[in-house]
Amino acid sequence: MTSQKTPQTMKPATAAKKLGVYLPATPAEFQEKVISRDELNALSTNPPEWLVELRRNGPHPRPTVAARLGVSIAGLARGGVTEALTTDEINELRDDEPDWLVREREVQAKVREEEERLRERDAKLAEKAERAAKR
């Protein structure tokens, strides 16, 4: 007796997140059904026009907006950006460079520097521990 494997499925919100798109901007049929892993893979490898258009022009989810602006999601919130933005709106912010965006980019740069410093420190400690273990 062999058991049938049920396909892995996910909620539309999870699928939208994995595809990097803003769920409310997706077609109703996408929002209303459970998506299988195979369907998600098919959407990723051969995206339909609506998915290509959403990825190109938005509206984009906050993680995408934050990445394109070079800030954190919290930085977006501190800057008053709480909604999804289109590519044009993101480009306008890049061109205008409001004070909050400049400030948040500086904060993000400092965070990256600190993360790099900690990675280097941890690598040195691991190397030191490895040498000590060999003795």
Protein backbone atom coordinates (compact mmCIF):
# COMPACT_ATOMS: atom_id res chain seq x y z
CA MET A 1 0.00 0.00 0.00
CA THR A 2 1.57 3.28 -1.06
CA SER A 3 0.49 6.57 0.36
CA GLN A 4 -0.23 9.48 -1.91
CA LYS A 5 1.89 12.52 -1.15
CA THR A 6 -0.15 15.65 -0.84
CA PRO A 7 1.38 18.63 -2.59
CA GLN A 8 2.84 21.38 -0.46
CA THR A 9 0.58 24.41 -0.47
CA MET A 10 0.76 27.93 0.88
CA LYS A 11 -1.48 30.87 1.47
CA PRO A 12 -1.54 33.60 -1.17
CA ALA A 13 0.25 35.98 1.23
CA THR A 14 3.15 33.56 1.58
CA ALA A 15 3.34 33.01 -2.17
CA ALA A 16 3.28 36.77 -2.81
CA LYS A 17 6.09 37.25 -0.31
CA LYS A 18 8.17 34.54 -1.97
CA LEU A 19 7.53 36.13 -5.37
CA GLY A 20 8.41 39.58 -4.00
CA VAL A 21 5.10 41.22 -4.90
CA TYR A 22 2.46 43.20 -3.02
CA LEU A 23 -0.51 40.85 -2.46
CA PRO A 24 -3.33 43.43 -2.83
CA ALA A 25 -1.98 44.30 -6.29
CA THR A 26 -2.15 40.69 -7.54
CA PRO A 27 -5.14 39.40 -9.53
CA ALA A 28 -8.17 38.24 -7.55
CA GLU A 29 -7.73 34.61 -8.65
CA PHE A 30 -4.23 34.64 -7.13
CA GLN A 31 -5.46 36.17 -3.88
CA GLU A 32 -8.37 33.75 -3.46
CA LYS A 33 -6.74 30.36 -3.89
CA VAL A 34 -4.16 28.22 -2.19
CA ILE A 35 -0.94 27.99 -4.22
CA SER A 36 0.99 24.76 -4.54
CA ARG A 37 4.77 24.58 -4.55
CA ASP A 38 4.63 23.50 -8.21
CA GLU A 39 2.47 26.51 -9.11
CA LEU A 40 4.89 28.82 -7.30
CA ASN A 41 7.84 27.31 -9.15
CA ALA A 42 5.98 27.73 -12.45
CA LEU A 43 5.24 31.38 -11.63
CA SER A 44 8.91 31.93 -10.78
CA THR A 45 10.36 30.28 -13.86
CA ASN A 46 7.78 31.45 -16.38
CA PRO A 47 6.07 34.52 -14.88
CA PRO A 48 2.79 35.68 -16.43
CA GLU A 49 2.51 39.26 -17.67
CA TRP A 50 0.80 40.50 -14.48
CA LEU A 51 3.73 39.25 -12.38
CA VAL A 52 6.32 40.79 -14.71
CA GLU A 53 4.42 44.09 -14.62
CA LEU A 54 4.12 44.07 -10.81
CA ARG A 55 7.82 43.36 -10.37
CA ARG A 56 8.72 46.10 -12.83
CA ASN A 57 6.32 48.90 -11.85
CA GLY A 58 4.79 47.92 -8.51
CA PRO A 59 3.24 48.70 -6.21
CA HIS A 60 6.08 47.04 -4.31
CA PRO A 61 5.94 45.57 -0.80
CA ARG A 62 7.82 47.40 1.94
CA PRO A 63 10.86 45.06 1.95
CA THR A 64 11.36 45.77 -1.76
CA VAL A 65 10.86 49.51 -1.27
CA ALA A 66 13.36 49.51 1.59
CA ALA A 67 15.93 47.57 -0.43
CA ARG A 68 15.57 49.84 -3.46
CA LEU A 69 16.01 52.92 -1.28
CA GLY A 70 18.91 51.43 0.68
CA VAL A 71 17.22 51.69 4.08
CA SER A 72 15.61 49.35 6.60
CA ILE A 73 11.88 48.72 6.87
CA ALA A 74 11.96 50.51 10.23
CA GLY A 75 13.68 53.42 8.49
CA LEU A 76 10.80 53.59 6.03
CA ALA A 77 8.35 53.79 8.92
CA ARG A 78 10.40 56.50 10.62
CA GLY A 79 10.31 58.38 7.32
CA GLY A 80 6.53 58.11 7.18
CA VAL A 81 6.39 55.54 4.38
CA THR A 82 3.86 52.95 5.49
CA GLU A 83 2.24 51.98 2.20
CA ALA A 84 3.45 50.14 -0.88
CA LEU A 85 5.11 52.37 -3.46
CA THR A 86 5.36 52.17 -7.22
CA THR A 87 8.67 52.23 -9.06
CA ASP A 88 8.00 55.83 -10.10
CA GLU A 89 7.38 56.87 -6.48
CA ILE A 90 10.58 55.14 -5.39
CA ASN A 91 12.52 56.90 -8.14
CA GLU A 92 11.03 60.25 -7.09
CA LEU A 93 12.25 59.68 -3.53
CA ARG A 94 15.70 58.75 -4.85
CA ASP A 95 15.82 61.91 -6.96
CA ASP A 96 14.46 64.26 -4.27
CA GLU A 97 16.45 62.67 -1.42
CA PRO A 98 14.38 63.98 1.49
CA ASP A 99 16.22 64.53 4.77
CA TRP A 100 14.79 61.39 6.34
CA LEU A 101 16.10 59.26 3.44
CA VAL A 102 19.61 60.70 3.71
CA ARG A 103 19.56 60.12 7.47
CA GLU A 104 18.26 56.55 7.17
CA ARG A 105 20.85 55.68 4.52
CA GLU A 106 23.56 56.88 6.91
CA VAL A 107 22.08 54.74 9.69
CA GLN A 108 21.97 51.74 7.34
CA ALA A 109 25.61 52.29 6.33
CA LYS A 110 26.66 52.33 10.01
CA VAL A 111 24.69 49.13 10.64
CA ARG A 112 26.44 47.40 7.72
CA GLU A 113 29.85 48.55 8.99
CA GLU A 114 29.09 47.18 12.45
CA GLU A 115 27.85 43.88 11.03
CA GLU A 116 31.08 43.56 9.02
CA ARG A 117 33.17 44.36 12.09
CA LEU A 118 31.35 41.67 14.07
CA ARG A 119 31.79 39.11 11.25
CA GLU A 120 35.52 39.80 11.19
CA ARG A 121 35.74 39.57 14.97
CA ASP A 122 33.84 36.28 15.03
CA ALA A 123 36.01 34.85 12.25
CA LYS A 124 39.17 35.74 14.22
CA LEU A 125 37.75 34.19 17.39
CA ALA A 126 36.76 31.02 15.52
CA GLU A 127 40.23 30.81 13.98
CA LYS A 128 41.82 31.28 17.40
CA ALA A 129 39.59 28.60 18.93
CA GLU A 130 40.43 26.21 16.07
CA ARG A 131 44.18 26.71 16.62
CA ALA A 132 43.75 26.15 20.36
CA ALA A 133 41.80 22.94 19.72
CA LYS A 134 44.61 21.58 17.53
CA ARG A 135 47.16 21.93 20.35
